[in-house]
């Protein structure tokens, strides 16, 4: 897993399932701002790998990103190091 992917996982976790891609992007730390153009591709890849859940509800314009149990387990394993 890349540093950028880990940063995104941590941001998704902070959002507790309430943040959209825009809100995640607004919180990217300075060193990763240059990667903001790759954020959606990376978030979608993390969803495909099962680390995050991407949700859109009918009638709502905003999407939501939530950490999956697999993503939570991965972040927990980082804190054990």
N, C-alpha and C. Protein backbone atom coordinates (compact mmCIF):
# COMPACT_ATOMS: atom_id res chain seq x y z
N UNK A 1 0.85 -1.17 0.00
CA UNK A 1 0.00 0.00 0.00
C UNK A 1 0.90 1.24 0.00
N UNK A 2 0.54 2.22 -0.83
CA UNK A 2 1.35 3.43 -0.93
C UNK A 2 1.02 4.39 0.23
N UNK A 3 1.92 5.34 0.45
CA UNK A 3 1.68 6.36 1.48
C UNK A 3 0.40 7.14 1.18
N UNK A 4 0.18 7.45 -0.10
CA UNK A 4 -1.02 8.21 -0.48
C UNK A 4 -2.28 7.41 -0.17
N UNK A 5 -2.28 6.12 -0.45
CA UNK A 5 -3.43 5.28 -0.13
C UNK A 5 -3.69 5.24 1.37
N UNK A 6 -2.64 5.17 2.15
CA UNK A 6 -2.79 5.17 3.61
C UNK A 6 -3.36 6.49 4.10
N UNK A 7 -2.88 7.59 3.54
CA UNK A 7 -3.41 8.91 3.91
C UNK A 7 -4.90 8.97 3.59
N UNK A 8 -5.29 8.48 2.43
CA UNK A 8 -6.71 8.49 2.06
C UNK A 8 -7.53 7.61 3.00
N UNK A 9 -7.01 6.44 3.35
CA UNK A 9 -7.73 5.58 4.30
C UNK A 9 -7.94 6.28 5.62
N UNK A 10 -6.92 6.97 6.10
CA UNK A 10 -7.03 7.68 7.37
C UNK A 10 -8.05 8.81 7.28
N UNK A 11 -8.08 9.51 6.15
CA UNK A 11 -9.06 10.58 5.97
C UNK A 11 -10.48 10.02 5.90
N UNK A 12 -10.65 8.92 5.18
CA UNK A 12 -11.97 8.30 5.10
C UNK A 12 -12.42 7.88 6.50
N UNK A 13 -11.50 7.34 7.29
CA UNK A 13 -11.84 6.94 8.66
C UNK A 13 -12.26 8.15 9.49
N UNK A 14 -11.54 9.26 9.34
CA UNK A 14 -11.90 10.48 10.08
C UNK A 14 -13.28 10.98 9.72
N UNK A 15 -13.67 10.79 8.47
CA UNK A 15 -14.98 11.26 8.02
C UNK A 15 -16.14 10.42 8.53
N UNK A 16 -15.85 9.26 9.08
CA UNK A 16 -16.87 8.38 9.68
C UNK A 16 -18.07 8.16 8.77
N UNK A 17 -17.80 7.98 7.48
CA UNK A 17 -18.87 7.70 6.54
C UNK A 17 -19.71 8.89 6.13
N UNK A 18 -19.31 10.09 6.54
CA UNK A 18 -20.10 11.29 6.26
C UNK A 18 -19.47 12.20 5.22
N UNK A 19 -18.21 11.95 4.86
CA UNK A 19 -17.52 12.86 3.95
C UNK A 19 -17.64 12.41 2.50
N UNK A 20 -17.79 13.38 1.62
CA UNK A 20 -17.79 13.14 0.18
C UNK A 20 -16.34 13.22 -0.32
N UNK A 21 -16.15 12.94 -1.58
CA UNK A 21 -14.80 13.03 -2.16
C UNK A 21 -14.25 14.44 -1.98
N UNK A 22 -15.12 15.43 -2.09
CA UNK A 22 -14.68 16.82 -1.97
C UNK A 22 -14.16 17.11 -0.56
N UNK A 23 -14.88 16.65 0.43
CA UNK A 23 -14.47 16.89 1.82
C UNK A 23 -13.18 16.15 2.15
N UNK A 24 -12.99 14.99 1.58
CA UNK A 24 -11.73 14.26 1.77
C UNK A 24 -10.60 15.04 1.13
N UNK A 25 -10.82 15.48 -0.11
CA UNK A 25 -9.80 16.23 -0.84
C UNK A 25 -9.41 17.53 -0.17
N UNK A 26 -10.35 18.19 0.46
CA UNK A 26 -10.06 19.45 1.15
C UNK A 26 -9.16 19.25 2.36
N UNK A 27 -9.05 18.02 2.82
CA UNK A 27 -8.25 17.73 4.02
C UNK A 27 -6.93 17.04 3.70
N UNK A 28 -6.59 16.94 2.41
CA UNK A 28 -5.31 16.32 2.06
C UNK A 28 -4.17 17.14 2.67
N UNK A 29 -3.23 16.46 3.33
CA UNK A 29 -2.08 17.19 3.88
C UNK A 29 -1.23 17.77 2.76
N UNK A 30 -0.55 18.86 3.04
CA UNK A 30 0.28 19.58 2.08
C UNK A 30 1.13 18.73 1.15
N UNK A 31 1.88 17.77 1.68
CA UNK A 31 2.74 16.98 0.79
C UNK A 31 1.96 16.18 -0.27
N UNK A 32 0.67 16.00 -0.08
CA UNK A 32 -0.13 15.19 -1.00
C UNK A 32 -1.05 16.01 -1.89
N UNK A 33 -1.00 17.33 -1.77
CA UNK A 33 -1.87 18.17 -2.60
C UNK A 33 -1.60 17.98 -4.09
N UNK A 34 -0.34 17.71 -4.45
CA UNK A 34 -0.02 17.50 -5.85
C UNK A 34 -0.65 16.22 -6.39
N UNK A 35 -1.06 15.32 -5.51
CA UNK A 35 -1.68 14.07 -5.93
C UNK A 35 -3.20 14.15 -5.96
N UNK A 36 -3.75 15.34 -5.68
CA UNK A 36 -5.21 15.46 -5.61
C UNK A 36 -5.89 15.03 -6.91
N UNK A 37 -5.22 15.22 -8.04
CA UNK A 37 -5.81 14.82 -9.31
C UNK A 37 -5.95 13.29 -9.41
N UNK A 38 -5.18 12.56 -8.62
CA UNK A 38 -5.24 11.09 -8.61
C UNK A 38 -6.15 10.55 -7.51
N UNK A 39 -6.73 11.44 -6.73
CA UNK A 39 -7.48 11.00 -5.55
C UNK A 39 -8.67 10.10 -5.91
N UNK A 40 -9.48 10.48 -6.89
CA UNK A 40 -10.66 9.68 -7.22
C UNK A 40 -10.26 8.31 -7.76
N UNK A 41 -9.24 8.26 -8.59
CA UNK A 41 -8.76 6.98 -9.11
C UNK A 41 -8.32 6.10 -7.95
N UNK A 42 -7.61 6.69 -7.00
CA UNK A 42 -7.10 5.93 -5.86
C UNK A 42 -8.24 5.49 -4.95
N UNK A 43 -9.19 6.38 -4.68
CA UNK A 43 -10.34 6.00 -3.85
C UNK A 43 -11.12 4.85 -4.49
N UNK A 44 -11.33 4.92 -5.80
CA UNK A 44 -12.06 3.85 -6.49
C UNK A 44 -11.28 2.54 -6.43
N UNK A 45 -9.96 2.62 -6.54
CA UNK A 45 -9.14 1.41 -6.43
C UNK A 45 -9.24 0.82 -5.03
N UNK A 46 -9.21 1.67 -4.01
CA UNK A 46 -9.35 1.20 -2.63
C UNK A 46 -10.72 0.54 -2.43
N UNK A 47 -11.75 1.07 -3.09
CA UNK A 47 -13.08 0.46 -3.00
C UNK A 47 -13.08 -0.91 -3.68
N UNK A 48 -12.45 -1.00 -4.85
CA UNK A 48 -12.37 -2.28 -5.56
C UNK A 48 -11.61 -3.33 -4.74
N UNK A 49 -10.62 -2.88 -3.99
CA UNK A 49 -9.83 -3.79 -3.16
C UNK A 49 -10.52 -4.12 -1.85
N UNK A 50 -11.64 -3.43 -1.56
CA UNK A 50 -12.42 -3.74 -0.37
C UNK A 50 -12.04 -2.97 0.89
N UNK A 51 -11.23 -1.92 0.76
CA UNK A 51 -10.79 -1.15 1.92
C UNK A 51 -11.77 -0.03 2.29
N UNK A 52 -12.50 0.47 1.31
CA UNK A 52 -13.48 1.53 1.56
C UNK A 52 -14.79 1.18 0.84
N UNK A 53 -15.84 1.82 1.29
CA UNK A 53 -17.16 1.65 0.69
C UNK A 53 -17.58 3.01 0.13
N UNK A 54 -17.96 3.01 -1.13
CA UNK A 54 -18.42 4.23 -1.78
C UNK A 54 -19.93 4.13 -1.90
N UNK A 55 -20.63 5.12 -1.39
CA UNK A 55 -22.08 5.07 -1.37
C UNK A 55 -22.66 6.35 -1.95
N UNK A 56 -23.64 6.16 -2.80
CA UNK A 56 -24.45 7.29 -3.26
C UNK A 56 -25.90 6.89 -3.05
N UNK A 57 -26.68 7.83 -2.58
CA UNK A 57 -28.09 7.56 -2.31
C UNK A 57 -28.95 8.26 -3.36
N UNK A 58 -30.01 7.58 -3.75
CA UNK A 58 -30.93 8.16 -4.72
C UNK A 58 -31.46 9.49 -4.18
N UNK A 59 -31.47 10.47 -5.04
CA UNK A 59 -31.99 11.77 -4.66
C UNK A 59 -30.97 12.67 -3.99
N UNK A 60 -29.77 12.16 -3.72
CA UNK A 60 -28.72 12.99 -3.11
C UNK A 60 -27.61 13.22 -4.12
N UNK A 61 -27.14 14.43 -4.19
CA UNK A 61 -26.05 14.75 -5.12
C UNK A 61 -24.69 14.33 -4.55
N UNK A 62 -24.59 14.28 -3.24
CA UNK A 62 -23.30 13.99 -2.60
C UNK A 62 -23.09 12.49 -2.45
N UNK A 63 -21.84 12.10 -2.63
CA UNK A 63 -21.47 10.72 -2.36
C UNK A 63 -20.91 10.63 -0.94
N UNK A 64 -20.69 9.43 -0.47
CA UNK A 64 -20.11 9.20 0.86
C UNK A 64 -19.06 8.11 0.75
N UNK A 65 -18.01 8.26 1.53
CA UNK A 65 -16.93 7.28 1.59
C UNK A 65 -16.81 6.80 3.03
N UNK A 66 -16.77 5.50 3.20
CA UNK A 66 -16.71 4.91 4.53
C UNK A 66 -15.64 3.82 4.55
N UNK A 67 -14.98 3.70 5.67
CA UNK A 67 -13.98 2.66 5.84
C UNK A 67 -14.70 1.32 6.01
N UNK A 68 -14.25 0.31 5.31
CA UNK A 68 -14.83 -1.03 5.44
C UNK A 68 -14.14 -1.74 6.62
N UNK A 69 -14.68 -2.87 7.06
CA UNK A 69 -14.00 -3.63 8.11
C UNK A 69 -12.56 -4.01 7.71
N UNK A 70 -12.36 -4.33 6.44
CA UNK A 70 -11.00 -4.65 5.96
C UNK A 70 -10.09 -3.43 6.08
N UNK A 71 -10.61 -2.26 5.74
CA UNK A 71 -9.83 -1.03 5.85
C UNK A 71 -9.51 -0.70 7.30
N UNK A 72 -10.48 -0.89 8.18
CA UNK A 72 -10.27 -0.65 9.62
C UNK A 72 -9.21 -1.59 10.16
N UNK A 73 -9.29 -2.85 9.76
CA UNK A 73 -8.32 -3.85 10.20
C UNK A 73 -6.91 -3.47 9.73
N UNK A 74 -6.81 -2.98 8.49
CA UNK A 74 -5.52 -2.56 7.98
C UNK A 74 -4.95 -1.40 8.79
N UNK A 75 -5.78 -0.38 9.05
CA UNK A 75 -5.30 0.76 9.84
C UNK A 75 -4.93 0.34 11.26
N UNK A 76 -5.70 -0.56 11.83
CA UNK A 76 -5.38 -1.07 13.17
C UNK A 76 -4.02 -1.77 13.16
N UNK A 77 -3.72 -2.49 12.10
CA UNK A 77 -2.44 -3.20 12.03
C UNK A 77 -1.27 -2.22 11.93
N UNK A 78 -1.50 -1.05 11.36
CA UNK A 78 -0.45 -0.03 11.28
C UNK A 78 -0.13 0.52 12.66
N UNK A 79 -1.14 0.69 13.48
CA UNK A 79 -0.92 1.25 14.82
C UNK A 79 -0.25 0.23 15.73
N UNK A 80 -0.30 -1.06 15.37
CA UNK A 80 0.35 -2.09 16.16
C UNK A 80 1.86 -2.15 15.91
N UNK A 81 2.30 -1.47 14.86
CA UNK A 81 3.73 -1.52 14.51
C UNK A 81 4.54 -0.60 15.37
